[in-house]
Amino acid sequence: MSLKELNCKEIFQAAYEKRYTWKNNFRGYKGKCMFSLNEDISTGNFVIGKDFKTQVKNIDNEKIVKSISSQLFEVTIHRVRRNFEDIHSKNSFNLIKKSENGIEMIVSGKNEGDKYRVRDNCINMVYRHIHGTIIEIYVEEFFDTGEGFLSKKYTSQQLDENTLKATSLKLEYEDIFENIDNKELWILKKRTIKYLNKNQEEETQEFTFKDISTLS
């Protein structure tokens, strides 16, 4: 297929619909959560309701509660099933280039300036404008659930919308997933985040979710 024949919207839609999302009958689940920063460990409990709202309990440190809650929010927002046309009907997708890394495209329309890259029916680069900040994500490895793909190993960084300079640390993620509820549901079991702190020393955060049970 020549570059002129590429339909970027169709290519992006196919990859969008290959993402793993939870089914509409999602009931929510609960369990224990553990947070470790280097060797310091905190343990508590969490709940994700059927409305996708999260709660973290039995941890006194509010900063750690917010950190765990933030990771659970990131999980749920990407597991909610949303129709492609509901999200992207006002967007057009225009080819930037095709390379061994995939087909890179830029959005015009409602989400003007956003960029994506697709390879092997997976979105392996995201460049989105959100509230005056650019979020840039590169995915190195995917996990195939059999019902869609999950990002397994990836980096994330925030950029200034005007200068394109980094405004956050570059975070390296690695996720491990678990199949529960009679194999009906894939959830995040463990997330490891590595980064260089302000002293250019490597730090590691780990979020572990275990003893999981679905809500009735």
N, C-alpha and C. Protein backbone atom coordinates (compact mmCIF):
# COMPACT_ATOMS: atom_id res chain seq x y z
N MET A 1 0.85 -1.20 0.00
CA MET A 1 0.00 0.00 0.00
C MET A 1 0.88 1.25 0.00
N SER A 2 0.62 2.18 -0.91
CA SER A 2 1.39 3.42 -0.98
C SER A 2 0.96 4.36 0.14
N LEU A 3 1.80 5.38 0.40
CA LEU A 3 1.49 6.35 1.45
C LEU A 3 0.18 7.08 1.13
N LYS A 4 -0.08 7.34 -0.13
CA LYS A 4 -1.30 8.05 -0.52
C LYS A 4 -2.55 7.22 -0.23
N GLU A 5 -2.39 5.90 -0.21
CA GLU A 5 -3.55 5.04 0.00
C GLU A 5 -3.83 4.78 1.48
N LEU A 6 -2.94 5.20 2.36
CA LEU A 6 -3.14 4.98 3.79
C LEU A 6 -4.30 5.82 4.31
N ASN A 7 -5.23 5.19 4.98
CA ASN A 7 -6.32 5.89 5.63
C ASN A 7 -6.01 5.91 7.13
N CYS A 8 -5.45 7.03 7.59
CA CYS A 8 -4.95 7.09 8.96
C CYS A 8 -6.07 6.93 9.99
N LYS A 9 -7.24 7.46 9.68
CA LYS A 9 -8.34 7.33 10.65
C LYS A 9 -8.73 5.87 10.81
N GLU A 10 -8.80 5.14 9.72
CA GLU A 10 -9.15 3.71 9.80
C GLU A 10 -8.06 2.93 10.56
N ILE A 11 -6.81 3.27 10.31
CA ILE A 11 -5.70 2.61 10.98
C ILE A 11 -5.73 2.89 12.48
N PHE A 12 -5.97 4.16 12.83
CA PHE A 12 -6.03 4.51 14.25
C PHE A 12 -7.25 3.87 14.92
N GLN A 13 -8.39 3.88 14.24
CA GLN A 13 -9.60 3.29 14.82
C GLN A 13 -9.40 1.80 15.09
N ALA A 14 -8.77 1.09 14.15
CA ALA A 14 -8.54 -0.34 14.34
C ALA A 14 -7.68 -0.59 15.57
N ALA A 15 -6.65 0.25 15.77
CA ALA A 15 -5.79 0.12 16.94
C ALA A 15 -6.52 0.52 18.21
N TYR A 16 -7.30 1.58 18.13
CA TYR A 16 -8.10 2.04 19.29
C TYR A 16 -9.02 0.92 19.77
N GLU A 17 -9.63 0.22 18.83
CA GLU A 17 -10.58 -0.83 19.19
C GLU A 17 -9.89 -2.15 19.57
N LYS A 18 -8.57 -2.20 19.43
CA LYS A 18 -7.80 -3.37 19.87
C LYS A 18 -7.32 -3.21 21.32
N ARG A 19 -7.53 -2.03 21.91
CA ARG A 19 -7.13 -1.84 23.31
C ARG A 19 -8.01 -2.71 24.22
N TYR A 20 -7.44 -3.22 25.29
CA TYR A 20 -8.25 -3.98 26.24
C TYR A 20 -9.05 -3.03 27.12
N THR A 21 -10.37 -3.22 27.17
CA THR A 21 -11.23 -2.43 28.06
C THR A 21 -12.12 -3.38 28.85
N TRP A 22 -12.60 -2.90 29.98
CA TRP A 22 -13.51 -3.71 30.78
C TRP A 22 -14.90 -3.72 30.16
N LYS A 23 -15.61 -4.82 30.36
CA LYS A 23 -16.95 -4.95 29.80
C LYS A 23 -17.94 -4.04 30.52
N ASN A 24 -19.06 -3.81 29.87
CA ASN A 24 -20.06 -2.88 30.42
C ASN A 24 -20.68 -3.38 31.72
N ASN A 25 -20.54 -4.68 32.01
CA ASN A 25 -21.10 -5.22 33.26
C ASN A 25 -20.06 -5.24 34.39
N PHE A 26 -19.01 -4.44 34.26
CA PHE A 26 -17.97 -4.33 35.28
C PHE A 26 -18.59 -4.02 36.65
N ARG A 27 -18.24 -4.83 37.66
CA ARG A 27 -18.84 -4.70 38.99
C ARG A 27 -17.93 -3.97 39.99
N GLY A 28 -16.67 -3.83 39.63
CA GLY A 28 -15.71 -3.26 40.56
C GLY A 28 -14.99 -4.37 41.32
N TYR A 29 -13.91 -3.98 42.00
CA TYR A 29 -13.17 -4.96 42.79
C TYR A 29 -12.41 -4.27 43.92
N LYS A 30 -11.92 -5.07 44.85
CA LYS A 30 -11.22 -4.53 46.02
C LYS A 30 -10.05 -5.45 46.37
N GLY A 31 -9.18 -4.97 47.26
CA GLY A 31 -8.06 -5.79 47.68
C GLY A 31 -7.09 -5.00 48.53
N LYS A 32 -5.91 -5.56 48.72
CA LYS A 32 -4.84 -4.89 49.46
C LYS A 32 -3.94 -4.15 48.48
N CYS A 33 -3.38 -3.03 48.94
CA CYS A 33 -2.44 -2.29 48.11
C CYS A 33 -1.16 -2.05 48.91
N MET A 34 -0.05 -2.13 48.21
CA MET A 34 1.25 -1.88 48.82
C MET A 34 2.01 -0.85 47.97
N PHE A 35 2.64 0.08 48.67
CA PHE A 35 3.45 1.08 47.98
C PHE A 35 4.85 1.03 48.58
N SER A 36 5.86 0.97 47.71
CA SER A 36 7.23 1.03 48.21
C SER A 36 8.02 2.05 47.40
N LEU A 37 8.80 2.84 48.11
CA LEU A 37 9.73 3.79 47.50
C LEU A 37 11.11 3.37 47.98
N ASN A 38 11.89 2.83 47.04
CA ASN A 38 13.16 2.20 47.39
C ASN A 38 12.88 1.07 48.39
N GLU A 39 13.13 1.26 49.68
CA GLU A 39 12.88 0.15 50.62
C GLU A 39 11.81 0.47 51.65
N ASP A 40 11.19 1.63 51.56
CA ASP A 40 10.12 2.01 52.49
C ASP A 40 8.78 1.49 51.96
N ILE A 41 8.05 0.74 52.80
CA ILE A 41 6.82 0.07 52.35
C ILE A 41 5.62 0.53 53.18
N SER A 42 4.51 0.82 52.50
CA SER A 42 3.24 1.14 53.15
C SER A 42 2.18 0.19 52.61
N THR A 43 1.29 -0.28 53.50
CA THR A 43 0.25 -1.24 53.12
C THR A 43 -1.12 -0.75 53.54
N GLY A 44 -2.10 -0.92 52.68
CA GLY A 44 -3.47 -0.51 52.99
C GLY A 44 -4.46 -1.32 52.18
N ASN A 45 -5.63 -0.77 52.00
CA ASN A 45 -6.69 -1.42 51.23
C ASN A 45 -7.23 -0.45 50.19
N PHE A 46 -7.81 -1.00 49.12
CA PHE A 46 -8.39 -0.16 48.09
C PHE A 46 -9.68 -0.76 47.57
N VAL A 47 -10.49 0.11 46.98
CA VAL A 47 -11.73 -0.32 46.32
C VAL A 47 -11.86 0.46 45.02
N ILE A 48 -12.20 -0.24 43.95
CA ILE A 48 -12.62 0.41 42.70
C ILE A 48 -14.09 0.03 42.50
N GLY A 49 -14.97 1.03 42.56
CA GLY A 49 -16.40 0.77 42.44
C GLY A 49 -16.83 0.53 41.01
N LYS A 50 -18.05 0.08 40.85
CA LYS A 50 -18.56 -0.17 39.49
C LYS A 50 -18.72 1.13 38.72
N ASP A 51 -18.69 2.27 39.46
CA ASP A 51 -18.71 3.59 38.81
C ASP A 51 -17.30 4.06 38.47
N PHE A 52 -16.30 3.18 38.68
CA PHE A 52 -14.89 3.42 38.39
C PHE A 52 -14.23 4.39 39.37
N LYS A 53 -14.92 4.80 40.43
CA LYS A 53 -14.32 5.66 41.44
C LYS A 53 -13.48 4.80 42.38
N THR A 54 -12.37 5.38 42.84
CA THR A 54 -11.42 4.62 43.66
C THR A 54 -11.33 5.18 45.08
N GLN A 55 -11.04 4.29 46.01
CA GLN A 55 -10.79 4.67 47.40
C GLN A 55 -9.57 3.91 47.90
N VAL A 56 -8.72 4.60 48.64
CA VAL A 56 -7.58 3.98 49.30
C VAL A 56 -7.74 4.20 50.79
N LYS A 57 -7.64 3.12 51.57
CA LYS A 57 -7.92 3.19 53.00
C LYS A 57 -6.75 2.63 53.81
N ASN A 58 -6.74 3.01 55.09
CA ASN A 58 -5.82 2.44 56.08
C ASN A 58 -4.35 2.77 55.82
N ILE A 59 -4.12 3.91 55.18
CA ILE A 59 -2.77 4.47 55.05
C ILE A 59 -2.85 5.92 55.53
N ASP A 60 -1.99 6.28 56.50
CA ASP A 60 -2.07 7.60 57.12
C ASP A 60 -1.40 8.70 56.28
N ASN A 61 -0.39 8.33 55.53
CA ASN A 61 0.37 9.31 54.76
C ASN A 61 -0.45 9.75 53.54
N GLU A 62 -0.91 11.00 53.56
CA GLU A 62 -1.80 11.49 52.50
C GLU A 62 -1.10 11.52 51.14
N LYS A 63 0.20 11.78 51.14
CA LYS A 63 0.95 11.81 49.88
C LYS A 63 0.96 10.43 49.23
N ILE A 64 1.12 9.39 50.05
CA ILE A 64 1.12 8.02 49.52
C ILE A 64 -0.28 7.63 49.05
N VAL A 65 -1.30 8.04 49.81
CA VAL A 65 -2.69 7.78 49.40
C VAL A 65 -2.94 8.39 48.02
N LYS A 66 -2.49 9.62 47.82
CA LYS A 66 -2.70 10.29 46.54
C LYS A 66 -1.93 9.59 45.42
N SER A 67 -0.76 9.09 45.74
CA SER A 67 0.06 8.41 44.74
C SER A 67 -0.60 7.11 44.29
N ILE A 68 -1.10 6.32 45.25
CA ILE A 68 -1.79 5.07 44.91
C ILE A 68 -3.08 5.38 44.15
N SER A 69 -3.83 6.37 44.65
CA SER A 69 -5.08 6.75 44.00
C SER A 69 -4.85 7.19 42.56
N SER A 70 -3.75 7.90 42.34
CA SER A 70 -3.41 8.37 41.00
C SER A 70 -3.17 7.20 40.05
N GLN A 71 -2.48 6.17 40.51
CA GLN A 71 -2.22 5.01 39.67
C GLN A 71 -3.52 4.26 39.37
N LEU A 72 -4.38 4.12 40.37
CA LEU A 72 -5.67 3.44 40.15
C LEU A 72 -6.54 4.24 39.19
N PHE A 73 -6.50 5.57 39.30
CA PHE A 73 -7.25 6.41 38.37
C PHE A 73 -6.76 6.21 36.94
N GLU A 74 -5.43 6.15 36.78
CA GLU A 74 -4.86 5.92 35.45
C GLU A 74 -5.30 4.58 34.87
N VAL A 75 -5.40 3.57 35.75
CA VAL A 75 -5.87 2.26 35.30
C VAL A 75 -7.31 2.35 34.82
N THR A 76 -8.18 2.91 35.67
CA THR A 76 -9.62 2.90 35.36
C THR A 76 -9.95 3.75 34.14
N ILE A 77 -9.30 4.89 33.99
CA ILE A 77 -9.66 5.79 32.88
C ILE A 77 -9.34 5.15 31.54
N HIS A 78 -8.37 4.23 31.52
CA HIS A 78 -8.04 3.55 30.28
C HIS A 78 -8.79 2.24 30.09
N ARG A 79 -9.49 1.79 31.12
CA ARG A 79 -10.26 0.55 31.00
C ARG A 79 -11.72 0.81 30.67
N VAL A 80 -12.19 2.05 30.81
CA VAL A 80 -13.58 2.37 30.49
C VAL A 80 -13.78 2.24 28.98
N ARG A 81 -14.84 1.56 28.59
CA ARG A 81 -15.13 1.34 27.17
C ARG A 81 -15.88 2.53 26.60
N ARG A 82 -15.26 3.22 25.64
CA ARG A 82 -15.89 4.38 24.99
C ARG A 82 -15.88 4.16 23.48
N ASN A 83 -17.01 4.42 22.87
CA ASN A 83 -17.13 4.25 21.42
C ASN A 83 -16.20 5.20 20.69
N PHE A 84 -15.54 4.71 19.65
CA PHE A 84 -14.58 5.52 18.90
C PHE A 84 -15.22 6.79 18.36
N GLU A 85 -16.40 6.67 17.78
CA GLU A 85 -17.04 7.84 17.18
C GLU A 85 -17.43 8.88 18.22
N ASP A 86 -17.77 8.43 19.42
CA ASP A 86 -18.10 9.37 20.49
C ASP A 86 -16.90 10.24 20.87
N ILE A 87 -15.70 9.68 20.74
CA ILE A 87 -14.49 10.39 21.14
C ILE A 87 -13.85 11.13 19.97
N HIS A 88 -13.86 10.53 18.77
CA HIS A 88 -13.05 11.05 17.67
C HIS A 88 -13.83 11.43 16.42
N SER A 89 -15.14 11.53 16.49
CA SER A 89 -15.92 11.86 15.29
C SER A 89 -15.57 13.24 14.73
N LYS A 90 -15.09 14.15 15.58
CA LYS A 90 -14.77 15.52 15.13
C LYS A 90 -13.28 15.69 14.83
N ASN A 91 -12.58 14.57 14.75
CA ASN A 91 -11.14 14.62 14.45
C ASN A 91 -10.84 14.01 13.08
N SER A 92 -9.82 14.58 12.42
CA SER A 92 -9.26 13.97 11.22
C SER A 92 -7.84 13.55 11.54
N PHE A 93 -7.37 12.48 10.88
CA PHE A 93 -6.04 11.94 11.16
C PHE A 93 -5.22 12.02 9.89
N ASN A 94 -4.08 12.70 9.96
CA ASN A 94 -3.28 13.02 8.79
C ASN A 94 -1.88 12.45 8.92
N LEU A 95 -1.42 11.79 7.87
CA LEU A 95 -0.13 11.11 7.88
C LEU A 95 1.03 12.10 8.06
N ILE A 96 1.93 11.76 8.98
CA ILE A 96 3.20 12.48 9.10
C ILE A 96 4.29 11.69 8.38
N LYS A 97 4.45 10.43 8.80
CA LYS A 97 5.46 9.59 8.15
C LYS A 97 5.21 8.12 8.50
N LYS A 98 5.79 7.26 7.72
CA LYS A 98 5.76 5.83 7.98
C LYS A 98 7.19 5.34 8.10
N SER A 99 7.49 4.60 9.18
CA SER A 99 8.83 4.09 9.41
C SER A 99 8.74 2.71 10.05
N GLU A 100 9.89 2.15 10.39
CA GLU A 100 9.91 0.85 11.06
C GLU A 100 9.24 0.91 12.43
N ASN A 101 9.11 2.11 12.99
CA ASN A 101 8.45 2.27 14.29
C ASN A 101 6.93 2.36 14.19
N GLY A 102 6.42 2.54 12.97
CA GLY A 102 4.99 2.60 12.79
C GLY A 102 4.54 3.76 11.91
N ILE A 103 3.24 3.94 11.85
CA ILE A 103 2.63 5.01 11.06
C ILE A 103 2.30 6.17 12.00
N GLU A 104 2.99 7.28 11.81
CA GLU A 104 2.80 8.44 12.68
C GLU A 104 1.82 9.40 12.04
N MET A 105 0.90 9.93 12.84
CA MET A 105 -0.16 10.81 12.32
C MET A 105 -0.42 11.96 13.27
N ILE A 106 -0.94 13.05 12.72
CA ILE A 106 -1.30 14.21 13.52
C ILE A 106 -2.78 14.48 13.35
N VAL A 107 -3.40 14.95 14.43
CA VAL A 107 -4.84 15.18 14.45
C VAL A 107 -5.16 16.62 14.08
N SER A 108 -6.19 16.79 13.27
CA SER A 108 -6.78 18.11 13.04
C SER A 108 -8.25 18.03 13.44
N GLY A 109 -8.81 19.17 13.80
CA GLY A 109 -10.20 19.17 14.26
C GLY A 109 -10.28 19.44 15.74
N LYS A 110 -11.12 18.73 16.46
CA LYS A 110 -11.37 18.98 17.88
C LYS A 110 -10.10 18.91 18.71
N ASN A 111 -9.28 17.89 18.47
CA ASN A 111 -8.04 17.70 19.24
C ASN A 111 -6.82 18.07 18.42
N GLU A 112 -6.90 19.23 17.80
CA GLU A 112 -5.84 19.77 16.93
C GLU A 112 -4.47 19.65 17.57
N GLY A 113 -3.52 19.07 16.82
CA GLY A 113 -2.13 19.01 17.27
C GLY A 113 -1.74 17.76 18.01
N ASP A 114 -2.71 16.95 18.42
CA ASP A 114 -2.38 15.67 19.04
C ASP A 114 -1.74 14.75 17.98
N LYS A 115 -0.86 13.87 18.44
CA LYS A 115 -0.19 12.95 17.53
C LYS A 115 -0.26 11.53 18.08
N TYR A 116 -0.29 10.57 17.17
CA TYR A 116 -0.27 9.16 17.54
C TYR A 116 0.62 8.40 16.57
N ARG A 117 1.07 7.24 17.02
CA ARG A 117 1.80 6.34 16.12
C ARG A 117 1.26 4.93 16.31
N VAL A 118 1.04 4.22 15.21
CA VAL A 118 0.45 2.89 15.25
C VAL A 118 1.37 1.90 14.55
N ARG A 119 1.62 0.77 15.24
CA ARG A 119 2.38 -0.32 14.62
C ARG A 119 1.76 -1.64 15.05
N ASP A 120 1.55 -2.52 14.09
CA ASP A 120 0.97 -3.84 14.37
C ASP A 120 -0.36 -3.73 15.14
N ASN A 121 -1.20 -2.79 14.71
CA ASN A 121 -2.53 -2.61 15.31
C ASN A 121 -2.48 -2.18 16.77
N CYS A 122 -1.37 -1.59 17.20
CA CYS A 122 -1.26 -1.07 18.57
C CYS A 122 -0.78 0.39 18.52
N ILE A 123 -1.31 1.21 19.40
CA ILE A 123 -0.90 2.61 19.50
C ILE A 123 0.36 2.66 20.36
N ASN A 124 1.51 2.88 19.75
CA ASN A 124 2.76 2.83 20.50
C ASN A 124 3.38 4.19 20.78
N MET A 125 2.68 5.26 20.40
CA MET A 125 3.10 6.61 20.78
C MET A 125 1.88 7.49 20.92
N VAL A 126 1.84 8.26 21.99
CA VAL A 126 0.75 9.21 22.24
C VAL A 126 1.38 10.56 22.59
N TYR A 127 0.89 11.61 21.94
CA TYR A 127 1.37 12.98 22.16
C TYR A 127 0.12 13.85 22.24
N ARG A 128 -0.34 14.09 23.48
CA ARG A 128 -1.65 14.75 23.66
C ARG A 128 -1.53 16.05 24.42
N HIS A 129 -2.32 17.04 23.99
CA HIS A 129 -2.43 18.30 24.70
C HIS A 129 -3.55 18.19 25.74
N ILE A 130 -3.18 18.34 27.02
CA ILE A 130 -4.16 18.24 28.10
C ILE A 130 -3.96 19.41 29.06
N HIS A 131 -4.93 20.33 29.09
CA HIS A 131 -4.91 21.47 30.01
C HIS A 131 -3.59 22.24 29.96
N GLY A 132 -3.14 22.55 28.76
CA GLY A 132 -1.95 23.37 28.60
C GLY A 132 -0.63 22.62 28.71
N THR A 133 -0.70 21.32 28.89
CA THR A 133 0.49 20.48 29.00
C THR A 133 0.45 19.39 27.92
N ILE A 134 1.61 19.02 27.44
CA ILE A 134 1.70 17.90 26.50
C ILE A 134 2.13 16.65 27.27
N ILE A 135 1.39 15.58 27.08
CA ILE A 135 1.75 14.27 27.64
C ILE A 135 2.32 13.43 26.51
N GLU A 136 3.54 12.96 26.68
CA GLU A 136 4.22 12.19 25.64
C GLU A 136 4.50 10.78 26.17
N ILE A 137 3.97 9.78 25.50
CA ILE A 137 4.10 8.39 25.94
C ILE A 137 4.63 7.54 24.79
N TYR A 138 5.63 6.72 25.09
CA TYR A 138 6.16 5.77 24.12
C TYR A 138 6.05 4.37 24.71
N VAL A 139 5.42 3.46 23.98
CA VAL A 139 5.22 2.10 24.45
C VAL A 139 6.24 1.18 23.79
N GLU A 140 6.99 0.46 24.62
CA GLU A 140 8.00 -0.48 24.12
C GLU A 140 7.45 -1.90 23.99
N GLU A 141 6.50 -2.25 24.85
CA GLU A 141 6.02 -3.63 24.87
C GLU A 141 4.55 -3.67 25.27
N PHE A 142 3.80 -4.57 24.60
CA PHE A 142 2.37 -4.74 24.89
C PHE A 142 2.12 -6.13 25.46
N PHE A 143 1.02 -6.26 26.18
CA PHE A 143 0.56 -7.55 26.69
C PHE A 143 -0.77 -7.88 26.01
N ASP A 144 -0.84 -9.06 25.41
CA ASP A 144 -2.05 -9.48 24.70
C ASP A 144 -2.92 -10.31 25.65
N THR A 145 -4.08 -9.78 26.02
CA THR A 145 -5.00 -10.49 26.92
C THR A 145 -5.83 -11.55 26.19
N GLY A 146 -5.80 -11.51 24.86
CA GLY A 146 -6.71 -12.34 24.07
C GLY A 146 -7.98 -11.60 23.72
N GLU A 147 -8.25 -10.51 24.46
CA GLU A 147 -9.42 -9.67 24.19
C GLU A 147 -9.02 -8.21 24.00
N GLY A 148 -7.75 -8.01 23.70
CA GLY A 148 -7.25 -6.65 23.51
C GLY A 148 -5.88 -6.50 24.14
N PHE A 149 -5.21 -5.42 23.78
CA PHE A 149 -3.84 -5.19 24.21
C PHE A 149 -3.76 -4.19 25.36
N LEU A 150 -2.80 -4.43 26.26
CA LEU A 150 -2.49 -3.52 27.36
C LEU A 150 -1.03 -3.07 27.21
N SER A 151 -0.77 -1.81 27.50
CA SER A 151 0.62 -1.34 27.51
C SER A 151 1.33 -1.97 28.71
N LYS A 152 2.46 -2.60 28.45
CA LYS A 152 3.19 -3.30 29.51
C LYS A 152 4.46 -2.57 29.94
N LYS A 153 5.19 -2.05 28.97
CA LYS A 153 6.44 -1.35 29.27
C LYS A 153 6.46 -0.06 28.45
N TYR A 154 6.59 1.08 29.13
CA TYR A 154 6.45 2.35 28.43
C TYR A 154 7.06 3.49 29.24
N THR A 155 7.25 4.63 28.59
CA THR A 155 7.74 5.83 29.26
C THR A 155 6.71 6.93 29.14
N SER A 156 6.75 7.87 30.10
CA SER A 156 5.81 8.98 30.10
C SER A 156 6.53 10.23 30.60
N GLN A 157 6.22 11.36 29.93
CA GLN A 157 6.82 12.63 30.35
C GLN A 157 5.90 13.78 29.95
N GLN A 158 5.92 14.84 30.75
CA GLN A 158 5.14 16.04 30.45
C GLN A 158 6.05 17.10 29.85
N LEU A 159 5.52 17.81 28.84
CA LEU A 159 6.27 18.86 28.16
C LEU A 159 5.50 20.17 28.23
N ASP A 160 6.23 21.28 28.24
CA ASP A 160 5.60 22.59 28.16
C ASP A 160 5.01 22.75 26.76
N GLU A 161 3.77 23.20 26.68
CA GLU A 161 3.06 23.28 25.39
C GLU A 161 3.70 24.28 24.44
N ASN A 162 4.34 25.31 24.99
CA ASN A 162 4.92 26.36 24.15
C ASN A 162 6.39 26.10 23.81
N THR A 163 7.19 25.72 24.82
CA THR A 163 8.62 25.55 24.60
C THR A 163 9.00 24.11 24.25
N LEU A 164 8.10 23.17 24.53
CA LEU A 164 8.33 21.73 24.34
C LEU A 164 9.44 21.19 25.24
N LYS A 165 9.82 21.96 26.26
CA LYS A 165 10.80 21.49 27.23
C LYS A 165 10.11 20.63 28.29
N ALA A 166 10.85 19.66 28.82
CA ALA A 166 10.29 18.76 29.83
C ALA A 166 9.94 19.53 31.09
N THR A 167 8.74 19.27 31.62
CA THR A 167 8.30 19.88 32.87
C THR A 167 8.10 18.84 33.96
N SER A 168 8.45 17.60 33.67
CA SER A 168 8.35 16.53 34.67
C SER A 168 9.50 15.56 34.47
N LEU A 169 9.69 14.71 35.44
CA LEU A 169 10.66 13.64 35.29
C LEU A 169 10.20 12.67 34.20
N LYS A 170 11.13 12.01 33.57
CA LYS A 170 10.78 10.96 32.62
C LYS A 170 10.61 9.66 33.40
N LEU A 171 9.41 9.12 33.37
CA LEU A 171 9.07 7.94 34.15
C LEU A 171 9.09 6.70 33.26
N GLU A 172 9.72 5.65 33.75
CA GLU A 172 9.75 4.37 33.04
C GLU A 172 8.85 3.38 33.78
N TYR A 173 7.81 2.91 33.09
CA TYR A 173 6.81 2.03 33.69
C TYR A 173 7.00 0.59 33.22
N GLU A 174 6.70 -0.34 34.13
CA GLU A 174 6.57 -1.74 33.75
C GLU A 174 5.41 -2.33 34.55
N ASP A 175 4.41 -2.87 33.86
CA ASP A 175 3.20 -3.38 34.48
C ASP A 175 3.10 -4.89 34.38
N ILE A 176 2.54 -5.49 35.42
CA ILE A 176 2.22 -6.92 35.43
C ILE A 176 0.73 -7.05 35.69
N PHE A 177 0.05 -7.92 34.92
CA PHE A 177 -1.40 -8.04 35.00
C PHE A 177 -1.81 -9.40 35.52
N GLU A 178 -3.03 -9.45 36.06
CA GLU A 178 -3.58 -10.69 36.60
C GLU A 178 -5.01 -10.88 36.09
N ASN A 179 -5.34 -12.13 35.79
CA ASN A 179 -6.67 -12.48 35.30
C ASN A 179 -7.51 -13.02 36.46
N ILE A 180 -8.64 -12.37 36.76
CA ILE A 180 -9.46 -12.76 37.91
C ILE A 180 -10.92 -12.96 37.48
N ASP A 181 -11.77 -13.24 38.46
CA ASP A 181 -13.21 -13.37 38.24
C ASP A 181 -13.52 -14.40 37.15
N ASN A 182 -13.02 -15.63 37.39
CA ASN A 182 -13.21 -16.71 36.41
C ASN A 182 -12.71 -16.32 35.02
N LYS A 183 -11.58 -15.62 35.02
CA LYS A 183 -10.90 -15.20 33.78
C LYS A 183 -11.70 -14.16 32.98
N GLU A 184 -12.64 -13.49 33.66
CA GLU A 184 -13.45 -12.48 32.98
C GLU A 184 -12.79 -11.10 33.00
N LEU A 185 -11.80 -10.89 33.87
CA LEU A 185 -11.31 -9.54 34.12
C LEU A 185 -9.80 -9.53 34.26
N TRP A 186 -9.14 -8.67 33.49
CA TRP A 186 -7.70 -8.44 33.65
C TRP A 186 -7.50 -7.16 34.46
N ILE A 187 -6.68 -7.26 35.50
CA ILE A 187 -6.43 -6.10 36.35
C ILE A 187 -4.92 -5.89 36.51
N LEU A 188 -4.55 -4.71 36.99
CA LEU A 188 -3.15 -4.42 37.28
C LEU A 188 -2.75 -5.09 38.59
N LYS A 189 -1.73 -5.94 38.54
CA LYS A 189 -1.23 -6.63 39.74
C LYS A 189 -0.05 -5.87 40.34
N LYS A 190 0.83 -5.38 39.48
CA LYS A 190 2.01 -4.67 39.98
C LYS A 190 2.47 -3.64 38.95
N ARG A 191 2.87 -2.49 39.44
CA ARG A 191 3.42 -1.44 38.57
C ARG A 191 4.73 -0.95 39.18
N THR A 192 5.79 -0.99 38.38
CA THR A 192 7.09 -0.47 38.80
C THR A 192 7.40 0.79 38.00
N ILE A 193 7.77 1.85 38.70
CA ILE A 193 8.11 3.12 38.05
C ILE A 193 9.52 3.51 38.45
N LYS A 194 10.39 3.69 37.46
CA LYS A 194 11.77 4.11 37.71
C LYS A 194 12.00 5.49 37.11
N TYR A 195 12.86 6.26 37.75
CA TYR A 195 13.17 7.61 37.28
C TYR A 195 14.43 8.11 37.96
N LEU A 196 14.99 9.16 37.41
CA LEU A 196 16.13 9.83 38.03
C LEU A 196 15.61 11.01 38.83
N ASN A 197 15.96 11.07 40.13
CA ASN A 197 15.50 12.20 40.96
C ASN A 197 16.34 13.45 40.66
N LYS A 198 16.11 14.50 41.44
CA LYS A 198 16.78 15.78 41.16
C LYS A 198 18.29 15.69 41.32
N ASN A 199 18.74 14.69 42.06
CA ASN A 199 20.19 14.48 42.23
C ASN A 199 20.75 13.50 41.20
N GLN A 200 19.91 13.17 40.20
CA GLN A 200 20.29 12.21 39.15
C GLN A 200 20.59 10.83 39.71
N GLU A 201 19.89 10.49 40.80
CA GLU A 201 19.98 9.16 41.38
C GLU A 201 18.72 8.39 41.00
N GLU A 202 18.88 7.12 40.65
CA GLU A 202 17.71 6.33 40.26
C GLU A 202 16.87 5.97 41.48
N GLU A 203 15.57 6.20 41.39
CA GLU A 203 14.63 5.78 42.42
C GLU A 203 13.60 4.86 41.78
N THR A 204 13.04 3.99 42.61
CA THR A 204 12.05 3.03 42.13
C THR A 204 10.83 3.05 43.03
N GLN A 205 9.67 3.24 42.43
CA GLN A 205 8.40 3.11 43.14
C GLN A 205 7.72 1.82 42.67
N GLU A 206 7.12 1.10 43.62
CA GLU A 206 6.37 -0.10 43.26
C GLU A 206 4.98 -0.04 43.87
N PHE A 207 3.98 -0.33 43.05
CA PHE A 207 2.59 -0.41 43.49
C PHE A 207 2.13 -1.85 43.27
N THR A 208 1.71 -2.50 44.35
CA THR A 208 1.27 -3.89 44.27
C THR A 208 -0.17 -4.01 44.75
N PHE A 209 -0.98 -4.74 43.99
CA PHE A 209 -2.39 -4.94 44.33
C PHE A 209 -2.65 -6.45 44.41
N LYS A 210 -3.10 -6.93 45.59
CA LYS A 210 -3.24 -8.37 45.78
C LYS A 210 -4.47 -8.69 46.62
N ASP A 211 -4.71 -9.99 46.81
CA ASP A 211 -5.89 -10.47 47.53
C ASP A 211 -7.16 -9.86 46.95
N ILE A 212 -7.26 -9.92 45.64
CA ILE A 212 -8.34 -9.24 44.91
C ILE A 212 -9.63 -10.04 44.95
N SER A 213 -10.74 -9.35 45.11
CA SER A 213 -12.07 -9.98 44.96
C SER A 213 -13.00 -8.96 44.29
N THR A 214 -13.88 -9.47 43.45
CA THR A 214 -14.83 -8.58 42.77
C THR A 214 -15.96 -8.22 43.71
N LEU A 215 -16.58 -7.07 43.48
CA LEU A 215 -17.70 -6.62 44.30
C LEU A 215 -18.97 -7.31 43.84
N SER A 216 -19.90 -7.50 44.75
CA SER A 216 -21.16 -8.18 44.40
C SER A 216 -22.13 -7.20 43.75
